[in-house]
């Protein structure tokens, strides 16, 4: 959080050098809205893609785990028969 606040202060000082008064505040707000809007859009898009891919991956993961369990049970049962 400290890094973001420092970055915001630097941005505000650069803007205040060139634009003073209420217009500087408006420009600062617009720049922050654009930056955080783009970051929010990208994060939202990545989460959406991740969740959409998980919908397809969960059945595959369950099938692989069931296959591993089946192989384990077959190997275990064949070892049990070898002991007799």
PDB file of N, CA and C in Angstrom:
ATOM      1  N   UNK A   1       0.830  -1.191   0.000  1.00  0.00           N
ATOM      2  CA  UNK A   1       0.000   0.000   0.000  1.00  0.00           C
ATOM      3  C   UNK A   1       0.875   1.255   0.000  1.00  0.00           C
ATOM      4  N   UNK A   2       1.981   1.181   0.716  1.00  0.00           N
ATOM      5  CA  UNK A   2       2.897   2.322   0.792  1.00  0.00           C
ATOM      6  C   UNK A   2       3.442   2.669  -0.594  1.00  0.00           C
ATOM      7  N   UNK A   3       3.705   1.645  -1.390  1.00  0.00           N
ATOM      8  CA  UNK A   3       4.233   1.871  -2.746  1.00  0.00           C
ATOM      9  C   UNK A   3       3.204   2.619  -3.592  1.00  0.00           C
ATOM     10  N   UNK A   4       1.945   2.216  -3.469  1.00  0.00           N
ATOM     11  CA  UNK A   4       0.886   2.863  -4.252  1.00  0.00           C
ATOM     12  C   UNK A   4       0.717   4.320  -3.826  1.00  0.00           C
ATOM     13  N   UNK A   5       0.782   4.567  -2.519  1.00  0.00           N
ATOM     14  CA  UNK A   5       0.641   5.951  -2.045  1.00  0.00           C
ATOM     15  C   UNK A   5       1.813   6.814  -2.505  1.00  0.00           C
ATOM     16  N   UNK A   6       3.034   6.258  -2.475  1.00  0.00           N
ATOM     17  CA  UNK A   6       4.193   7.012  -2.978  1.00  0.00           C
ATOM     18  C   UNK A   6       4.037   7.322  -4.464  1.00  0.00           C
ATOM     19  N   UNK A   7       3.585   6.335  -5.229  1.00  0.00           N
ATOM     20  CA  UNK A   7       3.389   6.520  -6.662  1.00  0.00           C
ATOM     21  C   UNK A   7       2.328   7.589  -6.920  1.00  0.00           C
ATOM     22  N   UNK A   8       1.280   7.568  -6.105  1.00  0.00           N
ATOM     23  CA  UNK A   8       0.214   8.561  -6.245  1.00  0.00           C
ATOM     24  C   UNK A   8       0.735   9.969  -5.932  1.00  0.00           C
ATOM     25  N   UNK A   9       1.572  10.089  -4.900  1.00  0.00           N
ATOM     26  CA  UNK A   9       2.150  11.397  -4.567  1.00  0.00           C
ATOM     27  C   UNK A   9       3.045  11.909  -5.691  1.00  0.00           C
ATOM     28  N   UNK A  10       3.836  11.019  -6.276  1.00  0.00           N
ATOM     29  CA  UNK A  10       4.709  11.435  -7.383  1.00  0.00           C
ATOM     30  C   UNK A  10       3.882  11.892  -8.574  1.00  0.00           C
ATOM     31  N   UNK A  11       2.819  11.144  -8.860  1.00  0.00           N
ATOM     32  CA  UNK A  11       1.936  11.525  -9.956  1.00  0.00           C
ATOM     33  C   UNK A  11       1.299  12.887  -9.682  1.00  0.00           C
ATOM     34  N   UNK A  12       0.852  13.091  -8.455  1.00  0.00           N
ATOM     35  CA  UNK A  12       0.227  14.369  -8.097  1.00  0.00           C
ATOM     36  C   UNK A  12       1.221  15.520  -8.199  1.00  0.00           C
ATOM     37  N   UNK A  13       2.471  15.285  -7.801  1.00  0.00           N
ATOM     38  CA  UNK A  13       3.454  16.374  -7.880  1.00  0.00           C
ATOM     39  C   UNK A  13       3.779  16.723  -9.329  1.00  0.00           C
ATOM     40  N   UNK A  14       3.849  15.716 -10.193  1.00  0.00           N
ATOM     41  CA  UNK A  14       4.116  15.985 -11.609  1.00  0.00           C
ATOM     42  C   UNK A  14       2.949  16.750 -12.228  1.00  0.00           C
ATOM     43  N   UNK A  15       1.729  16.330 -11.913  1.00  0.00           N
ATOM     44  CA  UNK A  15       0.558  17.012 -12.473  1.00  0.00           C
ATOM     45  C   UNK A  15       0.486  18.445 -11.954  1.00  0.00           C
ATOM     46  N   UNK A  16       0.778  18.636 -10.650  1.00  0.00           N
ATOM     47  CA  UNK A  16       0.662  19.989 -10.086  1.00  0.00           C
ATOM     48  C   UNK A  16       1.730  20.937 -10.625  1.00  0.00           C
ATOM     49  N   UNK A  17       2.813  20.399 -11.164  1.00  0.00           N
ATOM     50  CA  UNK A  17       3.818  21.266 -11.782  1.00  0.00           C
ATOM     51  C   UNK A  17       3.277  21.908 -13.057  1.00  0.00           C
ATOM     52  N   UNK A  18       2.449  21.167 -13.769  1.00  0.00           N
ATOM     53  CA  UNK A  18       1.970  21.643 -15.069  1.00  0.00           C
ATOM     54  C   UNK A  18       0.551  22.197 -15.023  1.00  0.00           C
ATOM     55  N   UNK A  19      -0.303  21.633 -14.176  1.00  0.00           N
ATOM     56  CA  UNK A  19      -1.708  22.055 -14.126  1.00  0.00           C
ATOM     57  C   UNK A  19      -2.050  22.369 -12.670  1.00  0.00           C
ATOM     58  N   UNK A  20      -2.468  23.583 -12.410  1.00  0.00           N
ATOM     59  CA  UNK A  20      -2.783  24.000 -11.036  1.00  0.00           C
ATOM     60  C   UNK A  20      -4.294  24.157 -10.860  1.00  0.00           C
ATOM     61  N   UNK A  21      -4.716  24.073  -9.614  1.00  0.00           N
ATOM     62  CA  UNK A  21      -6.108  24.330  -9.278  1.00  0.00           C
ATOM     63  C   UNK A  21      -6.998  23.119  -9.459  1.00  0.00           C
ATOM     64  N   UNK A  22      -8.301  23.384  -9.555  1.00  0.00           N
ATOM     65  CA  UNK A  22      -9.267  22.290  -9.673  1.00  0.00           C
ATOM     66  C   UNK A  22      -9.051  21.437 -10.926  1.00  0.00           C
ATOM     67  N   UNK A  23      -8.554  22.056 -11.993  1.00  0.00           N
ATOM     68  CA  UNK A  23      -8.316  21.280 -13.209  1.00  0.00           C
ATOM     69  C   UNK A  23      -7.245  20.211 -12.970  1.00  0.00           C
ATOM     70  N   UNK A  24      -6.247  20.521 -12.151  1.00  0.00           N
ATOM     71  CA  UNK A  24      -5.223  19.532 -11.815  1.00  0.00           C
ATOM     72  C   UNK A  24      -5.798  18.354 -11.057  1.00  0.00           C
ATOM     73  N   UNK A  25      -6.732  18.654 -10.157  1.00  0.00           N
ATOM     74  CA  UNK A  25      -7.390  17.575  -9.404  1.00  0.00           C
ATOM     75  C   UNK A  25      -8.209  16.706 -10.343  1.00  0.00           C
ATOM     76  N   UNK A  26      -8.903  17.328 -11.270  1.00  0.00           N
ATOM     77  CA  UNK A  26      -9.715  16.574 -12.233  1.00  0.00           C
ATOM     78  C   UNK A  26      -8.825  15.700 -13.112  1.00  0.00           C
ATOM     79  N   UNK A  27      -7.716  16.262 -13.596  1.00  0.00           N
ATOM     80  CA  UNK A  27      -6.798  15.483 -14.435  1.00  0.00           C
ATOM     81  C   UNK A  27      -6.213  14.320 -13.642  1.00  0.00           C
ATOM     82  N   UNK A  28      -5.841  14.585 -12.380  1.00  0.00           N
ATOM     83  CA  UNK A  28      -5.303  13.529 -11.526  1.00  0.00           C
ATOM     84  C   UNK A  28      -6.327  12.413 -11.340  1.00  0.00           C
ATOM     85  N   UNK A  29      -7.570  12.787 -11.086  1.00  0.00           N
ATOM     86  CA  UNK A  29      -8.633  11.796 -10.903  1.00  0.00           C
ATOM     87  C   UNK A  29      -8.867  10.991 -12.173  1.00  0.00           C
ATOM     88  N   UNK A  30      -8.839  11.657 -13.317  1.00  0.00           N
ATOM     89  CA  UNK A  30      -9.053  10.947 -14.587  1.00  0.00           C
ATOM     90  C   UNK A  30      -7.918   9.962 -14.848  1.00  0.00           C
ATOM     91  N   UNK A  31      -6.678  10.391 -14.597  1.00  0.00           N
ATOM     92  CA  UNK A  31      -5.537   9.489 -14.819  1.00  0.00           C
ATOM     93  C   UNK A  31      -5.624   8.284 -13.890  1.00  0.00           C
ATOM     94  N   UNK A  32      -5.933   8.521 -12.606  1.00  0.00           N
ATOM     95  CA  UNK A  32      -6.069   7.399 -11.669  1.00  0.00           C
ATOM     96  C   UNK A  32      -7.211   6.471 -12.073  1.00  0.00           C
ATOM     97  N   UNK A  33      -8.331   7.059 -12.508  1.00  0.00           N
ATOM     98  CA  UNK A  33      -9.463   6.235 -12.928  1.00  0.00           C
ATOM     99  C   UNK A  33      -9.091   5.387 -14.137  1.00  0.00           C
ATOM    100  N   UNK A  34      -8.363   5.968 -15.076  1.00  0.00           N
ATOM    101  CA  UNK A  34      -7.946   5.198 -16.250  1.00  0.00           C
ATOM    102  C   UNK A  34      -6.990   4.071 -15.873  1.00  0.00           C
ATOM    103  N   UNK A  35      -6.002   4.396 -15.038  1.00  0.00           N
ATOM    104  CA  UNK A  35      -5.013   3.377 -14.663  1.00  0.00           C
ATOM    105  C   UNK A  35      -5.676   2.243 -13.888  1.00  0.00           C
ATOM    106  N   UNK A  36      -6.425   2.596 -12.828  1.00  0.00           N
ATOM    107  CA  UNK A  36      -7.046   1.551 -12.024  1.00  0.00           C
ATOM    108  C   UNK A  36      -8.206   0.883 -12.756  1.00  0.00           C
ATOM    109  N   UNK A  37      -8.840   1.594 -13.665  1.00  0.00           N
ATOM    110  CA  UNK A  37      -9.870   0.963 -14.492  1.00  0.00           C
ATOM    111  C   UNK A  37      -9.291  -0.097 -15.402  1.00  0.00           C
ATOM    112  N   UNK A  38      -8.153   0.211 -16.009  1.00  0.00           N
ATOM    113  CA  UNK A  38      -7.494  -0.775 -16.878  1.00  0.00           C
ATOM    114  C   UNK A  38      -7.010  -1.960 -16.053  1.00  0.00           C
ATOM    115  N   UNK A  39      -6.409  -1.675 -14.882  1.00  0.00           N
ATOM    116  CA  UNK A  39      -5.949  -2.772 -14.016  1.00  0.00           C
ATOM    117  C   UNK A  39      -7.135  -3.635 -13.587  1.00  0.00           C
ATOM    118  N   UNK A  40      -8.230  -3.004 -13.187  1.00  0.00           N
ATOM    119  CA  UNK A  40      -9.421  -3.753 -12.792  1.00  0.00           C
ATOM    120  C   UNK A  40     -10.004  -4.563 -13.932  1.00  0.00           C
ATOM    121  N   UNK A  41     -10.009  -3.989 -15.129  1.00  0.00           N
ATOM    122  CA  UNK A  41     -10.523  -4.714 -16.289  1.00  0.00           C
ATOM    123  C   UNK A  41      -9.670  -5.942 -16.579  1.00  0.00           C
ATOM    124  N   UNK A  42      -8.354  -5.785 -16.526  1.00  0.00           N
ATOM    125  CA  UNK A  42      -7.455  -6.911 -16.804  1.00  0.00           C
ATOM    126  C   UNK A  42      -7.612  -7.997 -15.741  1.00  0.00           C
ATOM    127  N   UNK A  43      -7.680  -7.600 -14.472  1.00  0.00           N
ATOM    128  CA  UNK A  43      -7.845  -8.585 -13.396  1.00  0.00           C
ATOM    129  C   UNK A  43      -9.185  -9.297 -13.539  1.00  0.00           C
ATOM    130  N   UNK A  44     -10.236  -8.562 -13.841  1.00  0.00           N
ATOM    131  CA  UNK A  44     -11.550  -9.172 -14.038  1.00  0.00           C
ATOM    132  C   UNK A  44     -11.530 -10.147 -15.207  1.00  0.00           C
ATOM    133  N   UNK A  45     -10.870  -9.763 -16.294  1.00  0.00           N
ATOM    134  CA  UNK A  45     -10.786 -10.625 -17.470  1.00  0.00           C
ATOM    135  C   UNK A  45     -10.014 -11.900 -17.140  1.00  0.00           C
ATOM    136  N   UNK A  46      -8.905 -11.766 -16.414  1.00  0.00           N
ATOM    137  CA  UNK A  46      -8.114 -12.945 -16.046  1.00  0.00           C
ATOM    138  C   UNK A  46      -8.893 -13.875 -15.122  1.00  0.00           C
ATOM    139  N   UNK A  47      -9.616 -13.300 -14.161  1.00  0.00           N
ATOM    140  CA  UNK A  47     -10.419 -14.133 -13.267  1.00  0.00           C
ATOM    141  C   UNK A  47     -11.518 -14.835 -14.052  1.00  0.00           C
ATOM    142  N   UNK A  48     -12.145 -14.134 -14.976  1.00  0.00           N
ATOM    143  CA  UNK A  48     -13.195 -14.746 -15.798  1.00  0.00           C
ATOM    144  C   UNK A  48     -12.635 -15.901 -16.622  1.00  0.00           C
ATOM    145  N   UNK A  49     -11.478 -15.691 -17.253  1.00  0.00           N
ATOM    146  CA  UNK A  49     -10.856 -16.754 -18.052  1.00  0.00           C
ATOM    147  C   UNK A  49     -10.486 -17.932 -17.167  1.00  0.00           C
ATOM    148  N   UNK A  50      -9.936 -17.643 -15.984  1.00  0.00           N
ATOM    149  CA  UNK A  50      -9.535 -18.705 -15.070  1.00  0.00           C
ATOM    150  C   UNK A  50     -10.737 -19.522 -14.627  1.00  0.00           C
ATOM    151  N   UNK A  51     -11.819 -18.846 -14.237  1.00  0.00           N
ATOM    152  CA  UNK A  51     -13.006 -19.571 -13.790  1.00  0.00           C
ATOM    153  C   UNK A  51     -13.661 -20.330 -14.930  1.00  0.00           C
ATOM    154  N   UNK A  52     -13.661 -19.762 -16.124  1.00  0.00           N
ATOM    155  CA  UNK A  52     -14.224 -20.465 -17.272  1.00  0.00           C
ATOM    156  C   UNK A  52     -13.409 -21.707 -17.589  1.00  0.00           C
ATOM    157  N   UNK A  53     -12.091 -21.598 -17.501  1.00  0.00           N
ATOM    158  CA  UNK A  53     -11.263 -22.765 -17.782  1.00  0.00           C
ATOM    159  C   UNK A  53     -11.399 -23.796 -16.672  1.00  0.00           C
ATOM    160  N   UNK A  54     -11.629 -23.340 -15.423  1.00  0.00           N
ATOM    161  CA  UNK A  54     -11.812 -24.297 -14.336  1.00  0.00           C
ATOM    162  C   UNK A  54     -13.080 -25.114 -14.517  1.00  0.00           C
ATOM    163  N   UNK A  55     -14.099 -24.513 -15.120  1.00  0.00           N
ATOM    164  CA  UNK A  55     -15.329 -25.263 -15.375  1.00  0.00           C
ATOM    165  C   UNK A  55     -15.035 -26.454 -16.275  1.00  0.00           C
ATOM    166  N   UNK A  56     -14.117 -26.273 -17.231  1.00  0.00           N
ATOM    167  CA  UNK A  56     -13.750 -27.377 -18.109  1.00  0.00           C
ATOM    168  C   UNK A  56     -12.705 -28.275 -17.476  1.00  0.00           C
ATOM    169  N   UNK A  57     -11.863 -27.739 -16.607  1.00  0.00           N
ATOM    170  CA  UNK A  57     -10.791 -28.532 -16.022  1.00  0.00           C
ATOM    171  C   UNK A  57     -11.253 -29.423 -14.875  1.00  0.00           C
ATOM    172  N   UNK A  58     -12.255 -29.017 -14.133  1.00  0.00           N
ATOM    173  CA  UNK A  58     -12.679 -29.795 -12.968  1.00  0.00           C
ATOM    174  C   UNK A  58     -13.122 -31.208 -13.350  1.00  0.00           C
ATOM    175  N   UNK A  59     -13.955 -31.421 -14.368  1.00  0.00           N
ATOM    176  CA  UNK A  59     -14.294 -32.804 -14.733  1.00  0.00           C
ATOM    177  C   UNK A  59     -13.077 -33.611 -15.191  1.00  0.00           C
ATOM    178  N   UNK A  60     -12.144 -32.960 -15.873  1.00  0.00           N
ATOM    179  CA  UNK A  60     -10.940 -33.662 -16.312  1.00  0.00           C
ATOM    180  C   UNK A  60     -10.093 -34.051 -15.108  1.00  0.00           C
ATOM    181  N   UNK A  61      -9.954 -33.139 -14.145  1.00  0.00           N
ATOM    182  CA  UNK A  61      -9.180 -33.441 -12.938  1.00  0.00           C
ATOM    183  C   UNK A  61      -9.829 -34.578 -12.161  1.00  0.00           C
ATOM    184  N   UNK A  62     -11.143 -34.563 -12.040  1.00  0.00           N
ATOM    185  CA  UNK A  62     -11.847 -35.635 -11.334  1.00  0.00           C
ATOM    186  C   UNK A  62     -11.663 -36.957 -12.063  1.00  0.00           C
ATOM    187  N   UNK A  63     -11.745 -36.949 -13.391  1.00  0.00           N
ATOM    188  CA  UNK A  63     -11.555 -38.180 -14.159  1.00  0.00           C
ATOM    189  C   UNK A  63     -10.142 -38.727 -13.981  1.00  0.00           C
ATOM    190  N   UNK A  64      -9.149 -37.860 -13.993  1.00  0.00           N
ATOM    191  CA  UNK A  64      -7.760 -38.311 -13.807  1.00  0.00           C
ATOM    192  C   UNK A  64      -7.572 -38.877 -12.407  1.00  0.00           C
ATOM    193  N   UNK A  65      -8.131 -38.221 -11.400  1.00  0.00           N
ATOM    194  CA  UNK A  65      -8.013 -38.736 -10.036  1.00  0.00           C
ATOM    195  C   UNK A  65      -8.708 -40.086  -9.882  1.00  0.00           C
ATOM    196  N   UNK A  66      -9.870 -40.244 -10.502  1.00  0.00           N
ATOM    197  CA  UNK A  66     -10.555 -41.535 -10.457  1.00  0.00           C
ATOM    198  C   UNK A  66      -9.759 -42.614 -11.182  1.00  0.00           C
ATOM    199  N   UNK A  67      -9.127 -42.257 -12.296  1.00  0.00           N
ATOM    200  CA  UNK A  67      -8.289 -43.211 -13.021  1.00  0.00           C
ATOM    201  C   UNK A  67      -7.091 -43.631 -12.179  1.00  0.00           C
ATOM    202  N   UNK A  68      -6.465 -42.677 -11.499  1.00  0.00           N
ATOM    203  CA  UNK A  68      -5.336 -43.004 -10.619  1.00  0.00           C
ATOM    204  C   UNK A  68      -5.800 -43.906  -9.479  1.00  0.00           C
ATOM    205  N   UNK A  69      -6.969 -43.615  -8.903  1.00  0.00           N
ATOM    206  CA  UNK A  69      -7.511 -44.461  -7.846  1.00  0.00           C
ATOM    207  C   UNK A  69      -7.805 -45.862  -8.355  1.00  0.00           C
ATOM    208  N   UNK A  70      -8.358 -45.974  -9.552  1.00  0.00           N
ATOM    209  CA  UNK A  70      -8.646 -47.279 -10.142  1.00  0.00           C
ATOM    210  C   UNK A  70      -7.366 -48.070 -10.376  1.00  0.00           C
ATOM    211  N   UNK A  71      -6.341 -47.426 -10.914  1.00  0.00           N
ATOM    212  CA  UNK A  71      -5.056 -48.099 -11.142  1.00  0.00           C
ATOM    213  C   UNK A  71      -4.462 -48.552  -9.818  1.00  0.00           C
ATOM    214  N   UNK A  72      -4.541 -47.701  -8.798  1.00  0.00           N
ATOM    215  CA  UNK A  72      -4.016 -48.060  -7.479  1.00  0.00           C
ATOM    216  C   UNK A  72      -4.750 -49.277  -6.922  1.00  0.00           C
ATOM    217  N   UNK A  73      -6.071 -49.294  -7.047  1.00  0.00           N
ATOM    218  CA  UNK A  73      -6.839 -50.421  -6.522  1.00  0.00           C
ATOM    219  C   UNK A  73      -6.539 -51.705  -7.279  1.00  0.00           C
ATOM    220  N   UNK A  74      -6.352 -51.618  -8.594  1.00  0.00           N
ATOM    221  CA  UNK A  74      -6.017 -52.811  -9.383  1.00  0.00           C
ATOM    222  C   UNK A  74      -4.649 -53.340  -8.979  1.00  0.00           C
ATOM    223  N   UNK A  75      -3.681 -52.455  -8.833  1.00  0.00           N
ATOM    224  CA  UNK A  75      -2.334 -52.891  -8.431  1.00  0.00           C
ATOM    225  C   UNK A  75      -2.367 -53.473  -7.024  1.00  0.00           C
ATOM    226  N   UNK A  76      -3.102 -52.857  -6.123  1.00  0.00           N
ATOM    227  CA  UNK A  76      -3.185 -53.357  -4.755  1.00  0.00           C
ATOM    228  C   UNK A  76      -3.864 -54.717  -4.719  1.00  0.00           C
ATOM    229  N   UNK A  77      -4.943 -54.869  -5.477  1.00  0.00           N
ATOM    230  CA  UNK A  77      -5.638 -56.156  -5.466  1.00  0.00           C
ATOM    231  C   UNK A  77      -4.799 -57.241  -6.123  1.00  0.00           C
ATOM    232  N   UNK A  78      -4.024 -56.913  -7.150  1.00  0.00           N
ATOM    233  CA  UNK A  78      -3.165 -57.929  -7.765  1.00  0.00           C
ATOM    234  C   UNK A  78      -2.036 -58.318  -6.817  1.00  0.00           C
ATOM    235  N   UNK A  79      -1.520 -57.403  -6.034  1.00  0.00           N
ATOM    236  CA  UNK A  79      -0.506 -57.742  -5.035  1.00  0.00           C
ATOM    237  C   UNK A  79      -1.099 -58.587  -3.919  1.00  0.00           C
ATOM    238  N   UNK A  80      -2.351 -58.363  -3.572  1.00  0.00           N
ATOM    239  CA  UNK A  80      -3.005 -59.180  -2.549  1.00  0.00           C
ATOM    240  C   UNK A  80      -3.158 -60.611  -3.027  1.00  0.00           C
ATOM    241  N   UNK A  81      -3.458 -60.807  -4.324  1.00  0.00           N
ATOM    242  CA  UNK A  81      -3.603 -62.161  -4.847  1.00  0.00           C
ATOM    243  C   UNK A  81      -2.265 -62.875  -4.931  1.00  0.00           C
ATOM    244  N   UNK A  82      -1.184 -62.153  -5.160  1.00  0.00           N
ATOM    245  CA  UNK A  82       0.139 -62.767  -5.254  1.00  0.00           C
ATOM    246  C   UNK A  82       0.589 -63.323  -3.911  1.00  0.00           C
ATOM    247  N   UNK A  83       0.081 -62.785  -2.820  1.00  0.00           N
ATOM    248  CA  UNK A  83       0.492 -63.265  -1.503  1.00  0.00           C
ATOM    249  C   UNK A  83      -0.099 -64.630  -1.191  1.00  0.00           C
ATOM    250  N   UNK A  84      -1.223 -65.000  -1.796  1.00  0.00           N
ATOM    251  CA  UNK A  84      -1.866 -66.280  -1.496  1.00  0.00           C
ATOM    252  C   UNK A  84      -1.368 -67.336  -2.384  1.00  0.00           C
TER     253      UNK A  84
END
